[in-house]
C-alpha atoms as a PDB file:
ATOM      1  CA  MET A   1    -115.720 -55.197-100.535  1.00  0.00           C
ATOM      2  CA  GLU A   2    -116.255 -57.018 -96.888  1.00  0.00           C
ATOM      3  CA  VAL A   3    -116.945 -60.261 -95.728  1.00  0.00           C
ATOM      4  CA  ILE A   4    -118.325 -60.283 -91.727  1.00  0.00           C
ATOM      5  CA  ILE A   5    -118.865 -63.637 -90.711  1.00  0.00           C
ATOM      6  CA  LYS A   6    -121.739 -63.995 -87.899  1.00  0.00           C
ATOM      7  CA  PRO A   7    -120.748 -66.503 -85.275  1.00  0.00           C
ATOM      8  CA  LYS A   8    -124.565 -67.796 -85.112  1.00  0.00           C
ATOM      9  CA  GLY A   9    -125.708 -66.739 -88.235  1.00  0.00           C
ATOM     10  CA  PRO A  10    -124.720 -66.051 -91.948  1.00  0.00           C
ATOM     11  CA  ILE A  11    -121.781 -65.024 -93.742  1.00  0.00           C
ATOM     12  CA  VAL A  12    -122.840 -61.449 -94.879  1.00  0.00           C
ATOM     13  CA  ILE A  13    -120.428 -60.056 -97.910  1.00  0.00           C
ATOM     14  CA  ASP A  14    -121.108 -56.112 -98.242  1.00  0.00           C
ATOM     15  CA  GLY A  15    -120.071 -54.893-101.617  1.00  0.00           C
ATOM     16  CA  PRO A  16    -120.059 -55.787-105.451  1.00  0.00           C
ATOM     17  CA  VAL A  17    -119.433 -59.370-105.957  1.00  0.00           C
ATOM     18  CA  THR A  18    -120.637 -62.316-108.275  1.00  0.00           C
ATOM     19  CA  LEU A  19    -120.764 -65.440-107.084  1.00  0.00           C
ATOM     20  CA  ARG A  20    -120.320 -68.658-109.268  1.00  0.00           C
ATOM     21  CA  ASP A  21    -121.312 -72.328-109.300  1.00  0.00           C
ATOM     22  CA  PRO A  22    -118.649 -74.880-109.727  1.00  0.00           C
ATOM     23  CA  GLU A  23    -119.269 -74.961-113.751  1.00  0.00           C
ATOM     24  CA  GLY A  24    -118.481 -71.118-113.767  1.00  0.00           C
ATOM     25  CA  ASN A  25    -122.155 -70.158-114.015  1.00  0.00           C
ATOM     26  CA  GLU A  26    -123.295 -66.965-111.866  1.00  0.00           C
ATOM     27  CA  ILE A  27    -125.520 -67.389-109.102  1.00  0.00           C
ATOM     28  CA  THR A  28    -128.358 -65.042-108.846  1.00  0.00           C
ATOM     29  CA  PRO A  29    -129.468 -63.923-105.470  1.00  0.00           C
ATOM     30  CA  PRO A  30    -132.978 -64.262-104.306  1.00  0.00           C
ATOM     31  CA  PRO A  31    -134.945 -61.190-104.311  1.00  0.00           C
ATOM     32  CA  LYS A  32    -135.094 -60.752-100.628  1.00  0.00           C
ATOM     33  CA  GLN A  33    -131.330 -60.308-100.412  1.00  0.00           C
ATOM     34  CA  ARG A  34    -130.570 -56.360-100.948  1.00  0.00           C
ATOM     35  CA  ALA A  35    -128.327 -55.060-103.456  1.00  0.00           C
ATOM     36  CA  GLY A  36    -125.041 -54.705-102.915  1.00  0.00           C
ATOM     37  CA  ARG A  37    -125.280 -57.046 -99.637  1.00  0.00           C
ATOM     38  CA  ILE A  38    -125.264 -61.174 -99.599  1.00  0.00           C
ATOM     39  CA  LYS A  39    -125.730 -63.373 -96.968  1.00  0.00           C
ATOM     40  CA  LEU A  40    -124.510 -66.743 -97.282  1.00  0.00           C
ATOM     41  CA  CYS A  41    -125.961 -69.778 -95.257  1.00  0.00           C
ATOM     42  CA  GLY A  42    -123.595 -70.321 -92.492  1.00  0.00           C
ATOM     43  CA  CYS A  43    -125.490 -73.293 -90.451  1.00  0.00           C
ATOM     44  CA  GLY A  44    -126.358 -75.451 -93.184  1.00  0.00           C
ATOM     45  CA  ARG A  45    -130.004 -75.248 -92.426  1.00  0.00           C
ATOM     46  CA  SER A  46    -131.216 -72.987 -95.107  1.00  0.00           C
ATOM     47  CA  LYS A  47    -133.756 -74.359 -98.152  1.00  0.00           C
ATOM     48  CA  ILE A  48    -132.275 -71.528-100.307  1.00  0.00           C
ATOM     49  CA  ARG A  49    -128.781 -72.629-100.138  1.00  0.00           C
ATOM     50  CA  PRO A  50    -125.637 -71.198-100.817  1.00  0.00           C
ATOM     51  CA  PHE A  51    -127.836 -68.127 -99.375  1.00  0.00           C
ATOM     52  CA  CYS A  52    -128.926 -67.324 -95.907  1.00  0.00           C
ATOM     53  CA  ASP A  53    -133.270 -67.794 -95.194  1.00  0.00           C
ATOM     54  CA  GLY A  54    -132.787 -67.151 -91.157  1.00  0.00           C
ATOM     55  CA  SER A  55    -133.013 -70.777 -90.299  1.00  0.00           C
ATOM     56  CA  HIS A  56    -130.068 -70.300 -88.034  1.00  0.00           C
ATOM     57  CA  LYS A  57    -132.559 -68.140 -85.961  1.00  0.00           C
ATOM     58  CA  GLU A  58    -134.411 -71.663 -84.994  1.00  0.00           C
ATOM     59  CA  THR A  59    -131.123 -73.057 -83.223  1.00  0.00           C
ATOM     60  CA  ASP A  60    -128.463 -71.971 -81.012  1.00  0.00           C
ATOM     61  CA  ASP A  61    -125.908 -73.876 -82.729  1.00  0.00           C
ATOM     62  CA  GLN A  62    -122.791 -72.109 -83.941  1.00  0.00           C
ATOM     63  CA  ALA A  63    -122.084 -71.450 -87.615  1.00  0.00           C
ATOM     64  CA  VAL A  64    -120.318 -74.533 -89.794  1.00  0.00           C
END
């Protein structure tokens, strides 16, 4: 697994990983995310958090 933090974009996780919510339930990535690569929201603007929906493209802000 590799984690890439993009300064003005998502946090990209390449490789197999299981995401869980605070209660331990598995979080299924949305269909747009390809298998083996998950993009997590780094800007706080995504409507499908914790996943990235590309909202960071509408701002020049740095990721949070």
